[in-house]
Amino acid sequence: MKPLRILAASALTLALAAPAAWAEKLSLNDLSAYLNGIKTAQAKFTQIADDGTVATGTLYIARPGQMRFEYDPPNESYVIADHGAVGIFDAKGDPQPEQYPLNRTPLSIILDKTVNLGRANMVTGHREDGPSTIVTAQDPKNPEYGYIELVFTGNPTQLRQWVVHDDSGTATTVVLGDMKTGVRLAQNLFDFNIQRDLNR
């Protein structure tokens, strides 16, 4: 096994380590309420790309609609979601970010103003796997944009991992450390213009 994949497997094992007793499958209503209750959040993350490449960093969320992936050195990239757009900033490249609409990524499901996993045709899978509840969801109006697998644990409910399967067929896994919610976040974390100026 390649070293990167060993690291990825270790991250997954730590994030989903089973408690003493397996929990019951969490309901879609409860999971929707949990996600809607997140206004701001911060967590360390480990990202495993489709080719096995691993990166780490800090994730910031301000619902609705805002998210920032800030990667650890030597990776100087940032990914920011704000005002319906996603920007990929590469500090070593063009200061102008690569941009695309947020609604073209399945992450828009959890960043929506109101998350409703019970919406018709949104959830295509809902199962229990040991201590985890795994929900597979898509944009019911645009299933061609891909889908997201969300992994939750209970007692208390917490989002532990997601896997984004995009419209090109690639899968990107993000494993979350303990998520701190209700944190105070500066709005400039999600400001495209500020990040663009920093990259110049």
Protein backbone atom coordinates (compact mmCIF):
# COMPACT_ATOMS: atom_id res chain seq x y z
CA MET A 1 0.00 0.00 0.00
CA LYS A 2 1.32 3.46 -0.90
CA PRO A 3 2.31 5.73 2.05
CA LEU A 4 -0.37 8.28 1.08
CA ARG A 5 -3.06 5.61 1.15
CA ILE A 6 -1.80 4.32 4.52
CA LEU A 7 -2.16 7.87 5.87
CA ALA A 8 -5.62 8.14 4.36
CA ALA A 9 -6.69 4.84 5.90
CA SER A 10 -5.34 5.94 9.28
CA ALA A 11 -7.29 9.19 9.10
CA LEU A 12 -10.49 7.34 8.31
CA THR A 13 -9.91 4.87 11.14
CA LEU A 14 -9.32 7.61 13.71
CA ALA A 15 -12.29 9.66 12.59
CA LEU A 16 -14.71 6.75 12.69
CA ALA A 17 -13.37 4.84 15.69
CA ALA A 18 -16.29 2.90 17.13
CA PRO A 19 -17.59 3.74 20.60
CA ALA A 20 -18.33 1.01 23.12
CA ALA A 21 -21.86 0.53 21.82
CA TRP A 22 -23.13 0.92 18.29
CA ALA A 23 -25.68 3.65 17.85
CA GLU A 24 -28.99 3.39 16.02
CA LYS A 25 -29.29 4.88 12.56
CA LEU A 26 -29.95 8.61 12.82
CA SER A 27 -33.14 9.81 11.13
CA LEU A 28 -33.12 12.19 8.17
CA ASN A 29 -35.19 14.67 10.17
CA ASP A 30 -32.65 14.65 13.01
CA LEU A 31 -29.74 15.03 10.60
CA SER A 32 -31.47 17.91 8.80
CA ALA A 33 -32.06 19.63 12.15
CA TYR A 34 -28.41 19.10 13.10
CA LEU A 35 -27.12 20.64 9.86
CA ASN A 36 -29.58 23.54 10.08
CA GLY A 37 -28.36 24.19 13.61
CA ILE A 38 -24.81 24.81 12.37
CA LYS A 39 -24.39 28.53 11.81
CA THR A 40 -20.61 28.70 12.08
CA ALA A 41 -18.08 25.89 12.47
CA GLN A 42 -14.36 25.19 12.38
CA ALA A 43 -12.51 21.89 12.14
CA LYS A 44 -9.21 20.40 11.08
CA PHE A 45 -9.53 18.20 8.01
CA THR A 46 -7.70 15.58 6.02
CA GLN A 47 -8.48 15.52 2.30
CA ILE A 48 -7.89 12.44 0.17
CA ALA A 49 -8.05 13.09 -3.56
CA ASP A 50 -9.16 10.55 -6.15
CA ASP A 51 -5.52 9.71 -6.94
CA GLY A 52 -4.67 9.10 -3.26
CA THR A 53 -2.99 12.47 -2.70
CA VAL A 54 -3.43 13.65 0.89
CA ALA A 55 -3.64 17.24 2.14
CA THR A 56 -4.51 18.66 5.54
CA GLY A 57 -5.78 22.01 6.73
CA THR A 58 -8.55 23.91 8.49
CA LEU A 59 -12.16 24.13 7.38
CA TYR A 60 -14.37 27.13 8.15
CA ILE A 61 -18.14 27.13 7.61
CA ALA A 62 -20.61 29.99 7.88
CA ARG A 63 -24.07 28.88 6.85
CA PRO A 64 -25.74 29.59 4.60
CA GLY A 65 -23.48 29.51 1.62
CA GLN A 66 -19.96 30.11 2.95
CA MET A 67 -17.06 27.70 3.32
CA ARG A 68 -13.28 27.96 3.29
CA PHE A 69 -10.64 25.25 2.96
CA GLU A 70 -7.31 26.62 4.18
CA TYR A 71 -4.53 24.13 3.47
CA ASP A 72 -1.48 23.56 5.64
CA PRO A 73 2.02 24.44 4.32
CA PRO A 74 3.66 23.76 1.96
CA ASN A 75 0.31 23.79 0.13
CA GLU A 76 -0.61 27.46 -0.30
CA SER A 77 -3.99 26.95 -1.94
CA TYR A 78 -7.38 28.04 -0.68
CA VAL A 79 -10.90 27.11 -1.71
CA ILE A 80 -13.62 29.61 -0.84
CA ALA A 81 -17.39 29.38 -1.30
CA ASP A 82 -19.36 32.61 -1.03
CA HIS A 83 -22.33 34.31 -2.70
CA GLY A 84 -23.16 31.28 -4.82
CA ALA A 85 -19.65 30.83 -6.24
CA VAL A 86 -16.65 28.64 -5.47
CA GLY A 87 -13.15 30.02 -6.04
CA ILE A 88 -9.93 28.00 -6.10
CA PHE A 89 -6.97 30.22 -5.24
CA ASP A 90 -3.43 29.05 -5.97
CA ALA A 91 -0.85 31.32 -4.28
CA LYS A 92 1.83 30.15 -6.73
CA GLY A 93 -0.25 30.74 -9.84
CA ASP A 94 -2.72 33.19 -11.33
CA PRO A 95 -4.09 35.58 -8.66
CA GLN A 96 -7.46 35.27 -10.38
CA PRO A 97 -9.21 32.21 -8.96
CA GLU A 98 -10.71 29.41 -10.94
CA GLN A 99 -14.44 29.87 -10.33
CA TYR A 100 -17.62 27.87 -10.78
CA PRO A 101 -21.17 28.02 -9.38
CA LEU A 102 -21.65 26.59 -5.90
CA ASN A 103 -24.84 24.85 -6.99
CA ARG A 104 -22.78 22.70 -9.37
CA THR A 105 -21.11 20.96 -6.42
CA PRO A 106 -22.94 18.62 -4.03
CA LEU A 107 -21.50 20.62 -1.11
CA SER A 108 -24.29 23.11 -1.82
CA ILE A 109 -26.64 20.63 -0.14
CA ILE A 110 -25.16 21.21 3.31
CA LEU A 111 -24.57 24.92 2.73
CA ASP A 112 -28.16 25.60 1.70
CA LYS A 113 -30.19 28.05 3.77
CA THR A 114 -32.50 25.23 4.80
CA VAL A 115 -31.31 21.63 4.65
CA ASN A 116 -34.14 19.19 4.07
CA LEU A 117 -32.82 15.67 3.56
CA GLY A 118 -36.40 14.45 3.40
CA ARG A 119 -37.00 16.36 0.17
CA ALA A 120 -38.23 14.14 -2.65
CA ASN A 121 -35.43 12.45 -4.63
CA MET A 122 -32.66 14.15 -2.64
CA VAL A 123 -31.52 11.18 -0.57
CA THR A 124 -30.67 8.06 -2.56
CA GLY A 125 -29.11 6.11 0.32
CA HIS A 126 -29.55 6.05 4.10
CA ARG A 127 -27.84 3.30 6.04
CA GLU A 128 -26.12 2.35 9.25
CA ASP A 129 -22.49 1.19 9.27
CA GLY A 130 -21.36 0.31 12.77
CA PRO A 131 -21.38 3.53 14.79
CA SER A 132 -22.01 5.67 11.72
CA THR A 133 -25.02 6.77 9.71
CA ILE A 134 -24.24 7.29 6.03
CA VAL A 135 -26.46 9.43 3.84
CA THR A 136 -26.06 9.68 0.08
CA ALA A 137 -27.63 12.85 -1.33
CA GLN A 138 -27.90 14.76 -4.59
CA ASP A 139 -29.53 17.86 -5.99
CA PRO A 140 -32.92 16.43 -7.01
CA LYS A 141 -33.21 18.98 -9.81
CA ASN A 142 -29.70 18.35 -11.16
CA PRO A 143 -28.53 14.82 -10.33
CA GLU A 144 -25.99 15.11 -13.14
CA TYR A 145 -23.93 17.43 -10.91
CA GLY A 146 -22.88 14.46 -8.79
CA TYR A 147 -23.64 13.40 -5.25
CA ILE A 148 -22.26 13.51 -1.73
CA GLU A 149 -21.91 10.81 0.91
CA LEU A 150 -22.22 12.24 4.42
CA VAL A 151 -20.99 10.26 7.42
CA PHE A 152 -22.39 11.09 10.86
CA THR A 153 -21.88 9.69 14.33
CA GLY A 154 -24.25 10.13 17.27
CA ASN A 155 -24.26 10.93 20.99
CA PRO A 156 -23.98 13.80 20.18
CA THR A 157 -24.64 13.97 16.45
CA GLN A 158 -21.59 15.11 14.51
CA LEU A 159 -20.60 15.28 10.86
CA ARG A 160 -17.39 13.28 10.59
CA GLN A 161 -16.70 12.88 6.90
CA TRP A 162 -17.98 13.44 3.40
CA VAL A 163 -17.13 12.11 -0.03
CA VAL A 164 -17.96 14.33 -3.01
CA HIS A 165 -18.51 12.49 -6.29
CA ASP A 166 -18.46 15.26 -8.88
CA ASP A 167 -19.85 15.44 -12.40
CA SER A 168 -16.52 14.28 -13.85
CA GLY A 169 -16.68 11.01 -11.92
CA THR A 170 -13.89 11.76 -9.44
CA ALA A 171 -14.27 11.32 -5.69
CA THR A 172 -12.76 13.56 -3.01
CA THR A 173 -12.91 12.49 0.63
CA VAL A 174 -12.76 14.97 3.51
CA VAL A 175 -12.30 13.55 7.02
CA LEU A 176 -13.10 16.03 9.79
CA GLY A 177 -11.59 16.35 13.22
CA ASP A 178 -13.76 17.46 16.11
CA MET A 179 -15.96 20.26 14.81
CA LYS A 180 -16.32 23.38 16.92
CA THR A 181 -19.64 25.10 16.27
CA GLY A 182 -20.88 28.54 17.19
CA VAL A 183 -17.41 30.01 16.70
CA ARG A 184 -16.79 33.63 15.76
CA LEU A 185 -15.45 33.87 12.21
CA ALA A 186 -14.23 36.97 10.41
CA GLN A 187 -16.16 37.64 7.21
CA ASN A 188 -12.92 38.32 5.34
CA LEU A 189 -12.22 34.57 5.46
CA PHE A 190 -14.80 34.22 2.69
CA ASP A 191 -13.99 37.38 0.73
CA PHE A 192 -12.82 36.68 -2.82
CA ASN A 193 -11.38 40.17 -3.27
CA ILE A 194 -9.21 40.00 -0.15
CA GLN A 195 -7.87 36.58 -1.08
CA ARG A 196 -7.21 37.76 -4.64
CA ASP A 197 -5.19 40.74 -3.33
CA LEU A 198 -3.17 38.48 -1.02
CA ASN A 199 -2.26 36.28 -3.97
CA ARG A 200 -0.83 39.13 -6.04
